[in-house]
Amino acid sequence: MISFSKICKDEPYLMFESFYKKALQKQQTGPEAASVSSLNPNTNEVESRFVNIKYLNGKKFTFFSNYGSLKANNFENHDQISLLFYWNKIHVQIRIKAKIYRSDEKFSDKHYQERSAEKNALAHSSRQSTPINSYESVVENFKKTLKLEDQISSRPKYWGGFDILPYYFEFWEGNTYRLNKRTVFQFENEKWKKFFLNP
């Protein structure tokens, strides 16, 4: 689930919220799941993965991850990303282009304290995206870390939020005969320009 707070009243944000609520009403599974695509500057390849968007606060979407991960390295070296939601229950796809940067540390601390001990133990025990000898070693390390209550009570500095600030929204609404509706908002000269695309 995405937590909405002081959501921006600009049309693309209100449209996003409206579609999100419709998806929930239709019992959409995993409405917070979004594919994030980034550029790996070392290989000059585009890489994608799913993340769970936790917040839409004002104009910013936020998810959390290990700052030492491959995707975090991509973000640090190339701060432009694409975000993609697809809600099959209402046949809506939302494409977003955005800038990405680390969240405020206090905000990450607050979110960390609200998580379960199990999730926080994993944040401490896993060096995300680094090679391992076996999956069993991951499980063993997790179980050991879970017992260290004092250690996992505080957020590790290498784990926290990423804020996503959009400058482009495309709302794709599927229709019969592929007469799909594509509504676009592009942020230019301090305001949103609205237009439509052919299917």
N, C-alpha and C. Protein backbone atom coordinates (compact mmCIF):
# COMPACT_ATOMS: atom_id res chain seq x y z
N MET A 1 0.84 -1.20 0.00
CA MET A 1 0.00 0.00 0.00
C MET A 1 0.88 1.26 0.00
N ILE A 2 0.41 2.26 -0.69
CA ILE A 2 1.11 3.55 -0.72
C ILE A 2 0.44 4.49 0.27
N SER A 3 1.24 5.14 1.08
CA SER A 3 0.72 6.13 2.03
C SER A 3 0.75 7.51 1.36
N PHE A 4 -0.40 8.15 1.29
CA PHE A 4 -0.51 9.48 0.68
C PHE A 4 -0.49 10.54 1.78
N SER A 5 0.35 11.57 1.58
CA SER A 5 0.46 12.63 2.59
C SER A 5 0.66 13.97 1.90
N LYS A 6 -0.21 14.92 2.20
CA LYS A 6 -0.12 16.28 1.65
C LYS A 6 0.13 16.25 0.15
N ILE A 7 -0.63 15.41 -0.54
CA ILE A 7 -0.41 15.20 -1.97
C ILE A 7 -0.56 16.51 -2.73
N CYS A 8 0.32 16.71 -3.68
CA CYS A 8 0.28 17.89 -4.54
C CYS A 8 -1.06 17.94 -5.28
N LYS A 9 -1.61 19.13 -5.40
CA LYS A 9 -2.92 19.29 -6.04
C LYS A 9 -2.84 19.49 -7.54
N ASP A 10 -1.64 19.37 -8.11
CA ASP A 10 -1.51 19.44 -9.56
C ASP A 10 -2.22 18.24 -10.19
N GLU A 11 -2.75 18.45 -11.39
CA GLU A 11 -3.61 17.44 -12.02
C GLU A 11 -2.99 16.05 -12.14
N PRO A 12 -1.73 15.89 -12.55
CA PRO A 12 -1.21 14.51 -12.67
C PRO A 12 -1.17 13.76 -11.35
N TYR A 13 -0.92 14.45 -10.26
CA TYR A 13 -0.89 13.78 -8.95
C TYR A 13 -2.30 13.37 -8.51
N LEU A 14 -3.26 14.23 -8.74
CA LEU A 14 -4.65 13.90 -8.40
C LEU A 14 -5.16 12.76 -9.27
N MET A 15 -4.72 12.74 -10.53
CA MET A 15 -5.11 11.66 -11.45
C MET A 15 -4.50 10.34 -10.99
N PHE A 16 -3.24 10.38 -10.57
CA PHE A 16 -2.59 9.18 -10.05
C PHE A 16 -3.37 8.65 -8.84
N GLU A 17 -3.69 9.52 -7.91
CA GLU A 17 -4.42 9.11 -6.71
C GLU A 17 -5.78 8.51 -7.06
N SER A 18 -6.47 9.11 -8.03
CA SER A 18 -7.78 8.62 -8.43
C SER A 18 -7.70 7.21 -9.01
N PHE A 19 -6.73 6.97 -9.90
CA PHE A 19 -6.56 5.63 -10.47
C PHE A 19 -6.15 4.63 -9.39
N TYR A 20 -5.31 5.06 -8.47
CA TYR A 20 -4.88 4.18 -7.38
C TYR A 20 -6.08 3.71 -6.56
N LYS A 21 -6.97 4.65 -6.23
CA LYS A 21 -8.16 4.30 -5.44
C LYS A 21 -9.08 3.35 -6.21
N LYS A 22 -9.20 3.57 -7.53
CA LYS A 22 -10.01 2.68 -8.34
C LYS A 22 -9.41 1.27 -8.37
N ALA A 23 -8.08 1.20 -8.44
CA ALA A 23 -7.41 -0.10 -8.43
C ALA A 23 -7.66 -0.83 -7.11
N LEU A 24 -7.61 -0.08 -6.00
CA LEU A 24 -7.88 -0.68 -4.69
C LEU A 24 -9.31 -1.20 -4.61
N GLN A 25 -10.24 -0.43 -5.14
CA GLN A 25 -11.65 -0.84 -5.13
C GLN A 25 -11.87 -2.13 -5.90
N LYS A 26 -11.04 -2.33 -6.93
CA LYS A 26 -11.12 -3.55 -7.74
C LYS A 26 -10.23 -4.66 -7.18
N GLN A 27 -9.70 -4.43 -5.97
CA GLN A 27 -8.85 -5.40 -5.27
C GLN A 27 -7.59 -5.76 -6.05
N GLN A 28 -6.94 -4.72 -6.56
CA GLN A 28 -5.67 -4.91 -7.26
C GLN A 28 -4.62 -5.48 -6.31
N THR A 29 -3.92 -6.51 -6.75
CA THR A 29 -2.82 -7.09 -5.96
C THR A 29 -1.56 -6.25 -6.15
N GLY A 30 -0.89 -5.93 -5.03
CA GLY A 30 0.37 -5.21 -5.10
C GLY A 30 0.32 -3.89 -5.82
N PRO A 31 -0.62 -3.00 -5.49
CA PRO A 31 -0.70 -1.72 -6.21
C PRO A 31 0.50 -0.82 -5.99
N GLU A 32 1.30 -1.12 -4.96
CA GLU A 32 2.48 -0.31 -4.67
C GLU A 32 3.70 -0.73 -5.49
N ALA A 33 3.61 -1.85 -6.18
CA ALA A 33 4.75 -2.37 -6.95
C ALA A 33 4.95 -1.55 -8.22
N ALA A 34 6.19 -1.12 -8.44
CA ALA A 34 6.52 -0.35 -9.64
C ALA A 34 7.87 -0.79 -10.16
N SER A 35 7.99 -0.82 -11.47
CA SER A 35 9.27 -1.14 -12.10
C SER A 35 10.09 0.15 -12.22
N VAL A 36 11.31 0.11 -11.72
CA VAL A 36 12.22 1.25 -11.83
C VAL A 36 13.34 0.89 -12.79
N SER A 37 13.50 1.72 -13.82
CA SER A 37 14.57 1.51 -14.80
C SER A 37 15.62 2.59 -14.64
N SER A 38 16.88 2.16 -14.67
CA SER A 38 17.99 3.10 -14.49
C SER A 38 19.11 2.74 -15.44
N LEU A 39 20.03 3.67 -15.60
CA LEU A 39 21.18 3.44 -16.48
C LEU A 39 22.39 3.03 -15.65
N ASN A 40 23.00 1.91 -16.03
CA ASN A 40 24.27 1.50 -15.43
C ASN A 40 25.38 2.14 -16.25
N PRO A 41 26.04 3.16 -15.71
CA PRO A 41 27.05 3.89 -16.50
C PRO A 41 28.30 3.06 -16.79
N ASN A 42 28.52 2.01 -16.02
CA ASN A 42 29.71 1.18 -16.24
C ASN A 42 29.56 0.28 -17.47
N THR A 43 28.33 -0.18 -17.70
CA THR A 43 28.09 -1.08 -18.83
C THR A 43 27.30 -0.40 -19.95
N ASN A 44 26.81 0.80 -19.67
CA ASN A 44 25.95 1.54 -20.61
C ASN A 44 24.70 0.74 -20.96
N GLU A 45 24.18 0.01 -19.96
CA GLU A 45 22.97 -0.78 -20.12
C GLU A 45 21.87 -0.23 -19.23
N VAL A 46 20.63 -0.37 -19.70
CA VAL A 46 19.47 -0.02 -18.88
C VAL A 46 19.07 -1.24 -18.07
N GLU A 47 18.82 -1.04 -16.79
CA GLU A 47 18.46 -2.14 -15.90
C GLU A 47 17.14 -1.81 -15.21
N SER A 48 16.28 -2.84 -15.04
CA SER A 48 14.98 -2.65 -14.42
C SER A 48 14.79 -3.63 -13.28
N ARG A 49 14.01 -3.20 -12.30
CA ARG A 49 13.64 -4.08 -11.19
C ARG A 49 12.38 -3.51 -10.55
N PHE A 50 11.64 -4.36 -9.84
CA PHE A 50 10.45 -3.89 -9.13
C PHE A 50 10.83 -3.46 -7.72
N VAL A 51 10.20 -2.38 -7.28
CA VAL A 51 10.34 -1.90 -5.91
C VAL A 51 8.94 -1.62 -5.37
N ASN A 52 8.84 -1.50 -4.06
CA ASN A 52 7.57 -1.16 -3.43
C ASN A 52 7.57 0.31 -3.05
N ILE A 53 6.74 1.09 -3.72
CA ILE A 53 6.61 2.50 -3.38
C ILE A 53 5.85 2.60 -2.06
N LYS A 54 6.45 3.25 -1.07
CA LYS A 54 5.84 3.33 0.25
C LYS A 54 5.06 4.62 0.47
N TYR A 55 5.52 5.71 -0.16
CA TYR A 55 4.90 7.01 0.10
C TYR A 55 4.74 7.81 -1.18
N LEU A 56 3.66 8.60 -1.20
CA LEU A 56 3.56 9.73 -2.11
C LEU A 56 3.32 10.93 -1.20
N ASN A 57 4.40 11.66 -0.98
CA ASN A 57 4.38 12.78 -0.04
C ASN A 57 4.60 14.08 -0.82
N GLY A 58 3.56 14.91 -0.90
CA GLY A 58 3.68 16.12 -1.70
C GLY A 58 3.83 15.78 -3.17
N LYS A 59 5.02 16.00 -3.72
CA LYS A 59 5.31 15.70 -5.13
C LYS A 59 6.23 14.49 -5.28
N LYS A 60 6.63 13.87 -4.18
CA LYS A 60 7.68 12.85 -4.22
C LYS A 60 7.14 11.45 -3.92
N PHE A 61 7.52 10.49 -4.75
CA PHE A 61 7.32 9.08 -4.47
C PHE A 61 8.57 8.59 -3.73
N THR A 62 8.40 7.67 -2.79
CA THR A 62 9.55 7.19 -2.02
C THR A 62 9.53 5.67 -1.86
N PHE A 63 10.69 5.05 -2.06
CA PHE A 63 10.89 3.64 -1.70
C PHE A 63 12.21 3.53 -0.96
N PHE A 64 12.51 2.35 -0.41
CA PHE A 64 13.68 2.18 0.44
C PHE A 64 14.54 1.02 -0.06
N SER A 65 15.85 1.17 0.13
CA SER A 65 16.78 0.16 -0.38
C SER A 65 18.15 0.31 0.28
N ASN A 66 19.03 -0.61 -0.06
CA ASN A 66 20.41 -0.56 0.39
C ASN A 66 21.18 0.42 -0.49
N TYR A 67 21.87 1.37 0.14
CA TYR A 67 22.61 2.38 -0.62
C TYR A 67 23.86 1.81 -1.30
N GLY A 68 24.21 0.58 -0.96
CA GLY A 68 25.36 -0.05 -1.59
C GLY A 68 24.97 -0.98 -2.73
N SER A 69 23.69 -1.05 -3.04
CA SER A 69 23.21 -1.96 -4.08
C SER A 69 23.57 -1.46 -5.47
N LEU A 70 23.41 -2.34 -6.44
CA LEU A 70 23.70 -1.98 -7.84
C LEU A 70 22.80 -0.84 -8.30
N LYS A 71 21.50 -0.92 -7.96
CA LYS A 71 20.60 0.14 -8.43
C LYS A 71 20.94 1.47 -7.78
N ALA A 72 21.34 1.44 -6.49
CA ALA A 72 21.72 2.68 -5.82
C ALA A 72 22.94 3.31 -6.49
N ASN A 73 23.88 2.47 -6.90
CA ASN A 73 25.05 2.96 -7.61
C ASN A 73 24.64 3.60 -8.95
N ASN A 74 23.67 2.97 -9.61
CA ASN A 74 23.15 3.56 -10.85
C ASN A 74 22.56 4.94 -10.60
N PHE A 75 21.76 5.04 -9.53
CA PHE A 75 21.11 6.32 -9.21
C PHE A 75 22.13 7.41 -8.90
N GLU A 76 23.17 7.03 -8.19
CA GLU A 76 24.19 8.01 -7.79
C GLU A 76 24.94 8.56 -9.01
N ASN A 77 25.10 7.71 -10.02
CA ASN A 77 25.87 8.10 -11.19
C ASN A 77 25.03 8.67 -12.33
N HIS A 78 23.73 8.38 -12.29
CA HIS A 78 22.83 8.89 -13.33
C HIS A 78 21.47 9.06 -12.67
N ASP A 79 21.11 10.29 -12.33
CA ASP A 79 19.96 10.53 -11.44
C ASP A 79 18.61 10.61 -12.16
N GLN A 80 18.57 10.20 -13.43
CA GLN A 80 17.30 10.17 -14.15
C GLN A 80 16.82 8.72 -14.24
N ILE A 81 15.55 8.47 -13.90
CA ILE A 81 15.00 7.11 -13.93
C ILE A 81 13.62 7.12 -14.58
N SER A 82 13.11 5.93 -14.87
CA SER A 82 11.73 5.75 -15.29
C SER A 82 11.04 4.85 -14.29
N LEU A 83 9.80 5.18 -14.00
CA LEU A 83 8.99 4.42 -13.04
C LEU A 83 7.74 3.96 -13.77
N LEU A 84 7.35 2.70 -13.59
CA LEU A 84 6.21 2.16 -14.32
C LEU A 84 5.29 1.36 -13.39
N PHE A 85 4.01 1.76 -13.36
CA PHE A 85 2.97 1.02 -12.66
C PHE A 85 2.06 0.37 -13.70
N TYR A 86 1.58 -0.85 -13.40
CA TYR A 86 0.52 -1.43 -14.23
C TYR A 86 -0.49 -2.10 -13.32
N TRP A 87 -1.73 -1.65 -13.41
CA TRP A 87 -2.82 -2.19 -12.59
C TRP A 87 -3.82 -2.89 -13.51
N ASN A 88 -3.66 -4.21 -13.61
CA ASN A 88 -4.46 -4.98 -14.57
C ASN A 88 -5.95 -5.00 -14.23
N LYS A 89 -6.30 -4.81 -12.97
CA LYS A 89 -7.72 -4.84 -12.59
C LYS A 89 -8.51 -3.70 -13.23
N ILE A 90 -7.83 -2.60 -13.51
CA ILE A 90 -8.51 -1.48 -14.16
C ILE A 90 -7.90 -1.17 -15.53
N HIS A 91 -6.94 -1.99 -15.94
CA HIS A 91 -6.30 -1.88 -17.26
C HIS A 91 -5.69 -0.49 -17.46
N VAL A 92 -4.90 -0.08 -16.48
CA VAL A 92 -4.25 1.23 -16.52
C VAL A 92 -2.75 1.07 -16.31
N GLN A 93 -1.97 1.74 -17.15
CA GLN A 93 -0.52 1.78 -17.02
C GLN A 93 -0.11 3.24 -16.82
N ILE A 94 0.79 3.46 -15.88
CA ILE A 94 1.26 4.82 -15.60
C ILE A 94 2.77 4.85 -15.75
N ARG A 95 3.24 5.62 -16.74
CA ARG A 95 4.66 5.80 -16.98
C ARG A 95 5.10 7.14 -16.40
N ILE A 96 6.22 7.11 -15.69
CA ILE A 96 6.73 8.33 -15.06
C ILE A 96 8.22 8.45 -15.37
N LYS A 97 8.65 9.65 -15.77
CA LYS A 97 10.07 9.97 -15.88
C LYS A 97 10.39 10.93 -14.74
N ALA A 98 11.56 10.76 -14.12
CA ALA A 98 11.80 11.51 -12.90
C ALA A 98 13.28 11.62 -12.58
N LYS A 99 13.57 12.50 -11.64
CA LYS A 99 14.88 12.58 -11.01
C LYS A 99 14.81 11.83 -9.68
N ILE A 100 15.93 11.22 -9.28
CA ILE A 100 15.95 10.44 -8.05
C ILE A 100 17.12 10.85 -7.18
N TYR A 101 16.88 10.88 -5.88
CA TYR A 101 17.94 11.26 -4.93
C TYR A 101 17.61 10.67 -3.56
N ARG A 102 18.59 10.65 -2.68
CA ARG A 102 18.39 10.06 -1.35
C ARG A 102 17.41 10.89 -0.51
N SER A 103 16.62 10.18 0.28
CA SER A 103 15.67 10.84 1.19
C SER A 103 16.41 11.47 2.35
N ASP A 104 15.73 12.38 3.02
CA ASP A 104 16.24 12.97 4.24
C ASP A 104 16.48 11.87 5.28
N GLU A 105 17.59 11.93 6.00
CA GLU A 105 17.95 10.87 6.95
C GLU A 105 16.91 10.70 8.05
N LYS A 106 16.35 11.79 8.52
CA LYS A 106 15.33 11.69 9.59
C LYS A 106 14.09 10.96 9.09
N PHE A 107 13.74 11.19 7.83
CA PHE A 107 12.60 10.51 7.24
C PHE A 107 12.87 9.00 7.15
N SER A 108 14.09 8.64 6.73
CA SER A 108 14.47 7.23 6.66
C SER A 108 14.48 6.60 8.05
N ASP A 109 14.97 7.35 9.05
CA ASP A 109 14.97 6.85 10.43
C ASP A 109 13.56 6.54 10.90
N LYS A 110 12.64 7.45 10.63
CA LYS A 110 11.25 7.29 11.07
C LYS A 110 10.62 6.05 10.42
N HIS A 111 10.83 5.88 9.12
CA HIS A 111 10.27 4.73 8.44
C HIS A 111 10.87 3.43 8.98
N TYR A 112 12.17 3.45 9.23
CA TYR A 112 12.86 2.26 9.74
C TYR A 112 12.26 1.82 11.08
N GLN A 113 11.99 2.77 11.96
CA GLN A 113 11.46 2.45 13.28
C GLN A 113 10.05 1.87 13.22
N GLU A 114 9.35 2.09 12.12
CA GLU A 114 7.98 1.59 11.97
C GLU A 114 7.94 0.20 11.34
N ARG A 115 9.09 -0.32 10.92
CA ARG A 115 9.15 -1.63 10.27
C ARG A 115 9.27 -2.75 11.28
N SER A 116 9.02 -3.99 10.81
CA SER A 116 9.15 -5.16 11.67
C SER A 116 10.62 -5.47 11.94
N ALA A 117 10.86 -6.20 13.03
CA ALA A 117 12.22 -6.59 13.38
C ALA A 117 12.83 -7.46 12.28
N GLU A 118 12.01 -8.29 11.65
CA GLU A 118 12.50 -9.18 10.60
C GLU A 118 13.02 -8.38 9.40
N LYS A 119 12.25 -7.38 8.98
CA LYS A 119 12.68 -6.57 7.85
C LYS A 119 13.97 -5.81 8.18
N ASN A 120 14.05 -5.31 9.41
CA ASN A 120 15.23 -4.55 9.79
C ASN A 120 16.46 -5.44 9.95
N ALA A 121 16.24 -6.67 10.38
CA ALA A 121 17.35 -7.62 10.48
C ALA A 121 17.93 -7.90 9.10
N LEU A 122 17.05 -7.99 8.11
CA LEU A 122 17.53 -8.22 6.74
C LEU A 122 18.31 -7.02 6.22
N ALA A 123 17.84 -5.81 6.57
CA ALA A 123 18.56 -4.60 6.14
C ALA A 123 19.99 -4.60 6.68
N HIS A 124 20.17 -5.15 7.89
CA HIS A 124 21.51 -5.23 8.49
C HIS A 124 22.33 -6.38 7.93
N SER A 125 21.67 -7.52 7.69
CA SER A 125 22.43 -8.73 7.37
C SER A 125 22.77 -8.88 5.89
N SER A 126 22.03 -8.21 5.01
CA SER A 126 22.25 -8.39 3.58
C SER A 126 23.08 -7.26 2.98
N ARG A 127 24.08 -7.63 2.22
CA ARG A 127 24.82 -6.67 1.41
C ARG A 127 24.26 -6.80 -0.01
N GLN A 128 23.17 -6.12 -0.24
CA GLN A 128 22.34 -6.32 -1.43
C GLN A 128 23.14 -6.26 -2.73
N SER A 129 22.86 -7.23 -3.59
CA SER A 129 23.41 -7.33 -4.95
C SER A 129 24.84 -7.86 -5.00
N THR A 130 25.47 -8.13 -3.85
CA THR A 130 26.82 -8.69 -3.88
C THR A 130 26.76 -10.22 -3.99
N PRO A 131 27.74 -10.85 -4.63
CA PRO A 131 27.73 -12.31 -4.81
C PRO A 131 27.81 -13.05 -3.48
N ILE A 132 27.18 -14.24 -3.44
CA ILE A 132 27.20 -15.09 -2.25
C ILE A 132 27.51 -16.52 -2.67
N ASN A 133 27.95 -17.35 -1.69
CA ASN A 133 28.25 -18.74 -1.99
C ASN A 133 27.00 -19.59 -2.12
N SER A 134 25.98 -19.28 -1.30
CA SER A 134 24.75 -20.06 -1.35
C SER A 134 23.61 -19.27 -0.70
N TYR A 135 22.39 -19.65 -1.06
CA TYR A 135 21.22 -19.02 -0.44
C TYR A 135 21.16 -19.35 1.04
N GLU A 136 21.61 -20.56 1.41
CA GLU A 136 21.58 -20.98 2.81
C GLU A 136 22.39 -20.04 3.70
N SER A 137 23.49 -19.51 3.16
CA SER A 137 24.31 -18.60 3.96
C SER A 137 23.57 -17.29 4.23
N VAL A 138 22.72 -16.87 3.29
CA VAL A 138 21.90 -15.67 3.49
C VAL A 138 20.93 -15.90 4.64
N VAL A 139 20.27 -17.04 4.63
CA VAL A 139 19.29 -17.37 5.68
C VAL A 139 19.97 -17.47 7.04
N GLU A 140 21.12 -18.11 7.09
CA GLU A 140 21.85 -18.28 8.35
C GLU A 140 22.27 -16.92 8.91
N ASN A 141 22.78 -16.06 8.06
CA ASN A 141 23.21 -14.73 8.50
C ASN A 141 22.02 -13.91 9.00
N PHE A 142 20.89 -14.04 8.31
CA PHE A 142 19.67 -13.35 8.73
C PHE A 142 19.23 -13.80 10.11
N LYS A 143 19.21 -15.10 10.35
CA LYS A 143 18.76 -15.64 11.64
C LYS A 143 19.68 -15.17 12.78
N LYS A 144 20.98 -15.13 12.51
CA LYS A 144 21.93 -14.66 13.53
C LYS A 144 21.69 -13.18 13.84
N THR A 145 21.48 -12.40 12.80
CA THR A 145 21.29 -10.96 12.99
C THR A 145 19.99 -10.66 13.71
N LEU A 146 18.96 -11.45 13.45
CA LEU A 146 17.65 -11.23 14.08
C LEU A 146 17.73 -11.31 15.60
N LYS A 147 18.68 -12.06 16.09
CA LYS A 147 18.84 -12.22 17.55
C LYS A 147 19.55 -11.02 18.19
N LEU A 148 20.16 -10.18 17.37
CA LEU A 148 20.92 -9.03 17.88
C LEU A 148 20.01 -7.81 17.97
N GLU A 149 19.14 -7.81 18.98
CA GLU A 149 18.12 -6.76 19.08
C GLU A 149 18.72 -5.36 19.17
N ASP A 150 19.80 -5.21 19.93
CA ASP A 150 20.42 -3.89 20.06
C ASP A 150 20.97 -3.39 18.73
N GLN A 151 21.54 -4.31 17.95
CA GLN A 151 22.15 -3.93 16.68
C GLN A 151 21.10 -3.48 15.67
N ILE A 152 19.98 -4.18 15.62
CA ILE A 152 18.99 -3.88 14.59
C ILE A 152 17.99 -2.80 15.00
N SER A 153 18.15 -2.26 16.20
CA SER A 153 17.22 -1.22 16.66
C SER A 153 17.45 0.12 15.95
N SER A 154 18.65 0.30 15.41
CA SER A 154 18.97 1.55 14.71
C SER A 154 19.18 1.30 13.22
N ARG A 155 18.76 2.25 12.40
CA ARG A 155 18.91 2.13 10.95
C ARG A 155 20.38 2.16 10.56
N PRO A 156 20.82 1.18 9.76
CA PRO A 156 22.20 1.23 9.26
C PRO A 156 22.34 2.38 8.26
N LYS A 157 23.47 3.04 8.27
CA LYS A 157 23.66 4.21 7.41
C LYS A 157 23.65 3.87 5.92
N TYR A 158 23.87 2.58 5.61
CA TYR A 158 23.88 2.18 4.21
C TYR A 158 22.50 1.77 3.70
N TRP A 159 21.45 2.06 4.48
CA TRP A 159 20.09 1.72 4.08
C TRP A 159 19.19 2.92 4.31
N GLY A 160 18.31 3.21 3.35
CA GLY A 160 17.41 4.34 3.52
C GLY A 160 16.54 4.56 2.30
N GLY A 161 15.91 5.72 2.27
CA GLY A 161 14.95 6.01 1.22
C GLY A 161 15.54 6.66 -0.01
N PHE A 162 14.80 6.52 -1.11
CA PHE A 162 15.06 7.25 -2.34
C PHE A 162 13.80 8.01 -2.70
N ASP A 163 13.94 9.30 -2.94
CA ASP A 163 12.83 10.14 -3.36
C ASP A 163 12.84 10.28 -4.87
N ILE A 164 11.67 10.19 -5.45
CA ILE A 164 11.49 10.29 -6.90
C ILE A 164 10.65 11.52 -7.20
N LEU A 165 11.19 12.46 -7.96
CA LEU A 165 10.50 13.69 -8.30
C LEU A 165 10.18 13.69 -9.80
N PRO A 166 8.91 13.44 -10.16
CA PRO A 166 8.55 13.31 -11.58
C PRO A 166 8.58 14.64 -12.34
N TYR A 167 8.90 14.51 -13.63
CA TYR A 167 8.74 15.65 -14.55
C TYR A 167 7.91 15.23 -15.77
N TYR A 168 7.44 13.96 -15.77
CA TYR A 168 6.65 13.45 -16.89
C TYR A 168 5.73 12.34 -16.38
N PHE A 169 4.45 12.43 -16.70
CA PHE A 169 3.49 11.36 -16.43
C PHE A 169 2.80 10.99 -17.73
N GLU A 170 2.61 9.70 -17.96
CA GLU A 170 1.74 9.24 -19.04
C GLU A 170 0.75 8.23 -18.48
N PHE A 171 -0.53 8.55 -18.58
CA PHE A 171 -1.60 7.67 -18.10
C PHE A 171 -2.19 6.95 -19.31
N TRP A 172 -1.96 5.64 -19.37
CA TRP A 172 -2.42 4.80 -20.46
C TRP A 172 -3.64 4.02 -19.98
N GLU A 173 -4.78 4.22 -20.65
CA GLU A 173 -6.01 3.52 -20.30
C GLU A 173 -6.39 2.60 -21.45
N GLY A 174 -6.34 1.29 -21.19
CA GLY A 174 -6.64 0.32 -22.23
C GLY A 174 -8.11 0.33 -22.62
N ASN A 175 -8.37 0.11 -23.92
CA ASN A 175 -9.74 0.14 -24.42
C ASN A 175 -9.90 -0.92 -25.50
N THR A 176 -11.16 -1.20 -25.88
CA THR A 176 -11.43 -2.17 -26.93
C THR A 176 -10.90 -1.67 -28.27
N TYR A 177 -10.58 -2.61 -29.16
CA TYR A 177 -10.01 -2.33 -30.48
C TYR A 177 -8.69 -1.56 -30.39
N ARG A 178 -8.07 -1.60 -29.20
CA ARG A 178 -6.82 -0.88 -28.94
C ARG A 178 -6.97 0.63 -29.09
N LEU A 179 -8.18 1.12 -28.87
CA LEU A 179 -8.41 2.57 -28.85
C LEU A 179 -8.02 3.11 -27.49
N ASN A 180 -6.76 2.91 -27.16
CA ASN A 180 -6.26 3.26 -25.84
C ASN A 180 -6.12 4.77 -25.68
N LYS A 181 -6.45 5.24 -24.50
CA LYS A 181 -6.34 6.67 -24.20
C LYS A 181 -5.01 6.92 -23.52
N ARG A 182 -4.23 7.86 -24.03
CA ARG A 182 -2.91 8.17 -23.47
C ARG A 182 -2.85 9.67 -23.15
N THR A 183 -2.91 9.96 -21.88
CA THR A 183 -2.89 11.34 -21.39
C THR A 183 -1.52 11.64 -20.81
N VAL A 184 -0.90 12.71 -21.29
CA VAL A 184 0.47 13.04 -20.89
C VAL A 184 0.52 14.39 -20.19
N PHE A 185 1.37 14.44 -19.14
CA PHE A 185 1.67 15.70 -18.47
C PHE A 185 3.19 15.85 -18.45
N GLN A 186 3.69 16.95 -18.99
CA GLN A 186 5.12 17.22 -19.01
C GLN A 186 5.38 18.55 -18.30
N PHE A 187 6.33 18.52 -17.36
CA PHE A 187 6.62 19.72 -16.58
C PHE A 187 7.61 20.61 -17.34
N GLU A 188 7.13 21.76 -17.78
CA GLU A 188 7.96 22.69 -18.53
C GLU A 188 7.69 24.12 -18.06
N ASN A 189 8.76 24.90 -17.88
CA ASN A 189 8.63 26.31 -17.47
C ASN A 189 7.76 26.46 -16.22
N GLU A 190 8.02 25.59 -15.25
CA GLU A 190 7.38 25.66 -13.94
C GLU A 190 5.88 25.36 -13.97
N LYS A 191 5.41 24.67 -15.01
CA LYS A 191 4.01 24.26 -15.02
C LYS A 191 3.85 22.99 -15.86
N TRP A 192 2.74 22.30 -15.64
CA TRP A 192 2.48 21.06 -16.34
C TRP A 192 1.78 21.33 -17.68
N LYS A 193 2.36 20.81 -18.74
CA LYS A 193 1.76 20.89 -20.07
C LYS A 193 1.02 19.57 -20.31
N LYS A 194 -0.26 19.67 -20.65
CA LYS A 194 -1.09 18.47 -20.86
C LYS A 194 -1.36 18.26 -22.35
N PHE A 195 -1.22 17.03 -22.81
CA PHE A 195 -1.55 16.69 -24.19
C PHE A 195 -1.85 15.20 -24.27
N PHE A 196 -2.24 14.75 -25.46
CA PHE A 196 -2.62 13.36 -25.66
C PHE A 196 -1.77 12.74 -26.76
N LEU A 197 -1.61 11.41 -26.71
CA LEU A 197 -0.84 10.67 -27.70
C LEU A 197 -1.76 9.70 -28.45
N ASN A 198 -1.43 9.46 -29.69
CA ASN A 198 -2.13 8.40 -30.42
C ASN A 198 -1.90 7.05 -29.75
N PRO A 199 -2.86 6.13 -29.88
CA PRO A 199 -2.67 4.79 -29.28
C PRO A 199 -1.45 4.09 -29.85
